[in-house]
Amino acid sequence: MRIARYSLPGQDPAYGIVELAADGGDHPDIVSQITGDPLAGPVNYSGQRHDLSDVRLLSPVIPRSKVIGVGRNYAAHAAELGNEVPQRPLLFFKPNTSVIGPGEAIVKPAEVNELSYEGELAVVIGRIAKQVPAERVQEVIFGYTIANDVTARDLQAPEGQWARAKGWDTFCPLGPWLVTHLSVDEAGHLPLETTLDGETRQRGNTDLMMRSITELVTYISGFTTLIPGDVILTGTPAGVGSMQAGQEVSVTIDGIGTLTNPVVDEA
């Protein structure tokens, strides 16, 4: 199932089930509105249906609490930046104010000279989770989406910690929707590609992660309580690089979709 969060002119944001023409049949891509918050409990169809092209897709989730990033979780990415793979997961937080949806602009701050894309698989938590054992990780995951862990690379190294480098407003695009039909094992074997103005810059697979989804959820929930809507960014493969205002970056993960955002300069 694909669950989108979207808006229409003059209406509050809503959730809907996305039905793609590629799934079969001759209908256009459709979003069928559902009532309520799918992360909070049962939902029902409202009866309203819209062509997907007529709605504005929003971030499929606005984390109520936190976005947890995992650094250097792909060996080739760690190597390309001259780093070793850490002995235990290297974690950081991004504020929920950094979250934007598909099509929204990534804003390059005036003081940032090197703005970098990082295409990633994102795990969305669906229930309160504390000290989750490996065999129960599947139970606490609501679904998966795509993330771009935007980074101010020229701030990251000299400041030593990553709060500013990764925490600016617009530095966490998520989308285009949540998928709930993937198992943990399936999500751990997905091709990932990032393009800049249509040119491939990253190509990898989630099976190259040094720490699996199961390991990450177990480790993170061991020290902090995860709540519904929390997002875990699982790391990026090799090929990260700079992007400039006027360019467009897209991250595609097989089985999920494509997240595309333009880049603009700070006004």
Protein backbone atom coordinates (compact mmCIF):
# COMPACT_ATOMS: atom_id res chain seq x y z
CA MET A 1 0.00 0.00 0.00
CA ARG A 2 1.16 3.54 -0.80
CA ILE A 3 -0.01 6.24 1.58
CA ALA A 4 0.39 9.87 0.53
CA ARG A 5 -0.19 13.11 2.33
CA TYR A 6 -1.45 15.82 0.00
CA SER A 7 -3.29 19.12 -0.30
CA LEU A 8 -5.78 20.75 -2.64
CA PRO A 9 -6.42 24.50 -2.96
CA GLY A 10 -8.48 25.77 -0.04
CA GLN A 11 -8.44 22.46 1.81
CA ASP A 12 -6.52 21.12 4.79
CA PRO A 13 -3.88 18.45 4.15
CA ALA A 14 -5.30 14.94 3.86
CA TYR A 15 -4.07 11.37 3.58
CA GLY A 16 -4.88 9.08 0.71
CA ILE A 17 -4.14 5.69 -0.81
CA VAL A 18 -2.23 5.99 -4.09
CA GLU A 19 -3.24 3.73 -6.97
CA LEU A 20 -0.76 3.89 -9.84
CA ALA A 21 -1.72 3.08 -13.40
CA ALA A 22 1.35 0.85 -13.54
CA ASP A 23 -0.34 -1.41 -10.99
CA GLY A 24 -2.69 -2.56 -13.75
CA GLY A 25 -5.80 -1.35 -15.52
CA ASP A 26 -6.33 1.67 -17.70
CA HIS A 27 -7.13 4.25 -15.00
CA PRO A 28 -4.89 7.31 -14.40
CA ASP A 29 -2.81 7.59 -11.23
CA ILE A 30 -5.36 8.15 -8.45
CA VAL A 31 -5.28 9.10 -4.78
CA SER A 32 -8.29 7.96 -2.73
CA GLN A 33 -8.79 10.08 0.39
CA ILE A 34 -8.89 8.40 3.79
CA THR A 35 -10.12 9.90 7.04
CA GLY A 36 -7.91 10.24 10.09
CA ASP A 37 -4.18 9.74 10.57
CA PRO A 38 -2.96 6.30 9.48
CA LEU A 39 -0.21 6.45 12.11
CA ALA A 40 -2.76 6.99 14.88
CA GLY A 41 -5.23 4.19 14.22
CA PRO A 42 -7.84 2.77 11.85
CA VAL A 43 -8.83 4.82 8.82
CA ASN A 44 -11.73 4.72 6.38
CA TYR A 45 -12.17 5.77 2.78
CA SER A 46 -13.98 9.11 2.51
CA GLY A 47 -15.28 8.42 -0.99
CA GLN A 48 -13.28 11.28 -2.53
CA ARG A 49 -10.89 10.38 -5.35
CA HIS A 50 -8.52 12.68 -7.21
CA ASP A 51 -6.17 12.39 -10.12
CA LEU A 52 -2.70 12.32 -8.62
CA SER A 53 -1.66 15.06 -11.04
CA ASP A 54 -4.27 17.40 -9.52
CA VAL A 55 -2.99 17.28 -5.94
CA ARG A 56 0.13 18.69 -4.32
CA LEU A 57 2.07 15.95 -2.59
CA LEU A 58 3.42 16.84 0.85
CA SER A 59 5.92 15.11 3.07
CA PRO A 60 4.19 11.80 3.85
CA VAL A 61 5.03 12.22 7.53
CA ILE A 62 5.88 15.16 9.79
CA PRO A 63 7.87 13.58 12.62
CA ARG A 64 6.21 14.45 15.93
CA SER A 65 9.45 13.90 17.79
CA LYS A 66 12.63 13.28 15.82
CA VAL A 67 14.52 12.35 12.69
CA ILE A 68 17.50 10.13 13.47
CA GLY A 69 20.26 9.98 10.87
CA VAL A 70 22.87 7.26 10.52
CA GLY A 71 26.26 8.40 9.30
CA ARG A 72 28.79 6.36 7.31
CA ASN A 73 26.59 3.29 7.03
CA TYR A 74 27.95 2.44 3.56
CA ALA A 75 31.64 1.57 3.47
CA ALA A 76 32.23 3.15 0.04
CA HIS A 77 30.66 6.43 1.16
CA ALA A 78 32.81 6.54 4.29
CA ALA A 79 35.89 5.91 2.13
CA GLU A 80 35.07 8.60 -0.43
CA LEU A 81 35.11 11.21 2.35
CA GLY A 82 38.31 9.80 3.87
CA ASN A 83 36.60 8.24 6.88
CA GLU A 84 36.59 4.77 8.38
CA VAL A 85 33.40 2.87 9.08
CA PRO A 86 32.61 3.56 12.75
CA GLN A 87 32.74 0.67 15.22
CA ARG A 88 29.14 1.33 16.25
CA PRO A 89 26.34 3.24 14.48
CA LEU A 90 27.18 6.95 14.14
CA LEU A 91 23.97 8.82 14.87
CA PHE A 92 22.75 12.41 14.60
CA PHE A 93 19.43 14.22 14.79
CA LYS A 94 17.69 16.46 12.28
CA PRO A 95 14.89 18.75 13.55
CA ASN A 96 11.39 18.18 12.21
CA THR A 97 11.52 21.76 10.86
CA SER A 98 14.02 20.51 8.27
CA VAL A 99 11.36 18.28 6.68
CA ILE A 100 9.86 19.21 3.31
CA GLY A 101 7.90 17.25 0.73
CA PRO A 102 8.39 16.33 -2.92
CA GLY A 103 8.62 19.30 -5.27
CA GLU A 104 9.44 21.74 -2.47
CA ALA A 105 12.65 23.72 -2.78
CA ILE A 106 15.84 22.88 -0.94
CA VAL A 107 17.12 26.29 0.15
CA LYS A 108 20.89 26.82 -0.01
CA PRO A 109 21.81 29.16 2.89
CA ALA A 110 23.89 32.19 1.98
CA GLU A 111 26.77 31.12 4.24
CA VAL A 112 26.96 27.60 2.79
CA ASN A 113 29.37 27.05 -0.10
CA GLU A 114 29.14 23.27 -0.49
CA LEU A 115 25.62 21.87 -0.39
CA SER A 116 25.50 18.11 -0.82
CA TYR A 117 22.77 15.56 -1.66
CA GLU A 118 22.58 12.17 0.08
CA GLY A 119 19.90 9.79 -1.21
CA GLU A 120 18.66 7.39 1.45
CA LEU A 121 16.03 4.88 2.49
CA ALA A 122 13.94 6.19 5.39
CA VAL A 123 12.23 3.98 7.98
CA VAL A 124 9.02 5.32 9.55
CA ILE A 125 8.11 4.06 13.02
CA GLY A 126 4.50 3.07 13.63
CA ARG A 127 4.26 2.38 17.36
CA ILE A 128 5.96 3.26 20.63
CA ALA A 129 9.18 1.28 20.70
CA LYS A 130 11.75 0.91 23.45
CA GLN A 131 14.56 -1.67 23.57
CA VAL A 132 13.13 -3.58 20.60
CA PRO A 133 14.63 -7.07 20.15
CA ALA A 134 15.64 -8.06 16.63
CA GLU A 135 12.77 -10.50 16.22
CA ARG A 136 10.19 -7.76 16.89
CA VAL A 137 11.56 -4.97 14.67
CA GLN A 138 9.01 -5.70 11.92
CA GLU A 139 6.20 -4.99 14.41
CA VAL A 140 7.29 -1.39 15.12
CA ILE A 141 7.86 -0.26 11.51
CA PHE A 142 4.92 1.42 9.80
CA GLY A 143 6.56 1.75 6.41
CA TYR A 144 9.30 3.21 4.26
CA THR A 145 9.85 6.34 2.22
CA ILE A 146 12.71 8.13 0.45
CA ALA A 147 14.90 10.80 2.01
CA ASN A 148 17.54 13.27 0.88
CA ASP A 149 19.83 13.96 3.84
CA VAL A 150 20.94 17.39 2.60
CA THR A 151 24.25 18.43 4.15
CA ALA A 152 26.25 21.64 4.32
CA ARG A 153 29.54 19.84 3.79
CA ASP A 154 31.72 22.89 4.44
CA LEU A 155 30.17 23.26 7.93
CA GLN A 156 30.25 19.59 8.84
CA ALA A 157 33.99 19.04 9.27
CA PRO A 158 35.12 22.29 10.94
CA GLU A 159 32.26 22.37 13.47
CA GLY A 160 32.90 18.80 14.61
CA GLN A 161 29.24 18.09 15.28
CA TRP A 162 26.54 18.02 12.65
CA ALA A 163 23.60 19.99 14.05
CA ARG A 164 23.95 22.97 11.70
CA ALA A 165 25.41 21.04 8.79
CA LYS A 166 22.34 18.83 8.58
CA GLY A 167 19.66 20.75 10.45
CA TRP A 168 18.79 23.80 8.35
CA ASP A 169 15.18 24.27 7.28
CA THR A 170 14.48 22.28 4.05
CA PHE A 171 17.43 19.90 4.64
CA CYS A 172 15.26 16.78 4.97
CA PRO A 173 13.08 16.15 1.90
CA LEU A 174 10.84 13.08 2.34
CA GLY A 175 8.49 11.40 -0.12
CA PRO A 176 6.80 10.90 -2.41
CA TRP A 177 4.70 8.61 -0.17
CA LEU A 178 4.95 5.85 2.41
CA VAL A 179 4.90 2.21 1.37
CA THR A 180 3.68 -0.31 3.91
CA HIS A 181 3.91 -3.54 1.94
CA LEU A 182 7.65 -4.17 2.25
CA SER A 183 9.08 -6.54 4.82
CA VAL A 184 12.27 -5.64 6.65
CA ASP A 185 14.15 -8.13 4.50
CA GLU A 186 12.71 -6.72 1.26
CA ALA A 187 13.54 -3.15 2.30
CA GLY A 188 17.11 -4.28 2.86
CA HIS A 189 17.57 -5.26 -0.80
CA LEU A 190 16.43 -2.25 -2.85
CA PRO A 191 18.34 -0.50 -5.66
CA LEU A 192 18.83 3.24 -5.03
CA GLU A 193 19.79 5.95 -7.51
CA THR A 194 20.33 9.69 -7.14
CA THR A 195 20.38 11.97 -10.17
CA LEU A 196 21.31 15.63 -10.51
CA ASP A 197 19.68 17.32 -13.49
CA GLY A 198 19.01 13.85 -14.86
CA GLU A 199 22.62 12.66 -14.56
CA THR A 200 23.23 9.67 -12.30
CA ARG A 201 25.43 10.57 -9.34
CA GLN A 202 24.71 7.77 -6.87
CA ARG A 203 23.88 4.16 -7.61
CA GLY A 204 23.75 1.58 -4.85
CA ASN A 205 21.60 -0.91 -3.02
CA THR A 206 20.33 -1.02 0.54
CA ASP A 207 21.94 -4.44 0.90
CA LEU A 208 25.28 -2.59 1.05
CA MET A 209 24.42 -1.02 4.41
CA MET A 210 26.96 -1.93 7.09
CA ARG A 211 24.22 -2.05 9.72
CA SER A 212 20.88 -3.45 8.66
CA ILE A 213 17.48 -1.95 9.34
CA THR A 214 17.00 -4.48 12.13
CA GLU A 215 20.32 -3.62 13.74
CA LEU A 216 19.60 0.12 13.54
CA VAL A 217 16.12 -0.06 15.08
CA THR A 218 17.39 -2.31 17.87
CA TYR A 219 20.38 -0.08 18.58
CA ILE A 220 18.49 3.23 18.47
CA SER A 221 15.54 2.01 20.53
CA GLY A 222 18.02 0.81 23.12
CA PHE A 223 18.74 4.38 24.24
CA THR A 224 15.76 6.47 23.11
CA THR A 225 12.07 5.72 22.89
CA LEU A 226 10.80 5.76 19.32
CA ILE A 227 7.27 7.03 18.80
CA PRO A 228 4.88 6.84 15.85
CA GLY A 229 6.08 9.13 13.06
CA ASP A 230 9.75 9.07 14.03
CA VAL A 231 11.98 8.67 10.99
CA ILE A 232 15.30 6.85 10.73
CA LEU A 233 17.56 7.80 7.80
CA THR A 234 19.61 4.69 7.09
CA GLY A 235 22.65 6.23 5.40
CA THR A 236 23.77 6.97 1.86
CA PRO A 237 25.84 5.06 -0.71
CA ALA A 238 28.91 6.43 -2.47
CA GLY A 239 28.65 9.24 -4.97
CA VAL A 240 27.64 12.22 -2.83
CA GLY A 241 28.43 15.60 -4.32
CA SER A 242 27.54 19.25 -4.54
CA MET A 243 24.38 20.80 -5.91
CA GLN A 244 23.70 24.42 -6.78
CA ALA A 245 20.70 26.71 -7.06
CA GLY A 246 18.89 26.07 -10.31
CA GLN A 247 19.55 22.34 -10.26
CA GLU A 248 17.12 19.52 -9.54
CA VAL A 249 17.92 16.42 -7.50
CA SER A 250 15.97 13.16 -7.61
CA VAL A 251 16.30 10.04 -5.47
CA THR A 252 14.71 6.83 -6.74
CA ILE A 253 14.33 3.59 -4.77
CA ASP A 254 12.88 0.59 -6.53
CA GLY A 255 9.58 -0.46 -5.01
CA ILE A 256 8.95 2.96 -3.48
CA GLY A 257 9.15 5.73 -6.10
CA THR A 258 11.04 8.94 -6.83
CA LEU A 259 11.58 12.01 -4.65
CA THR A 260 12.43 15.17 -6.63
CA ASN A 261 13.32 18.63 -5.32
CA PRO A 262 14.68 21.81 -6.92
CA VAL A 263 17.50 23.77 -5.29
CA VAL A 264 17.26 27.54 -4.78
CA ASP A 265 19.38 30.21 -3.15
CA GLU A 266 18.26 31.75 0.11
CA ALA A 267 16.29 34.90 -0.63
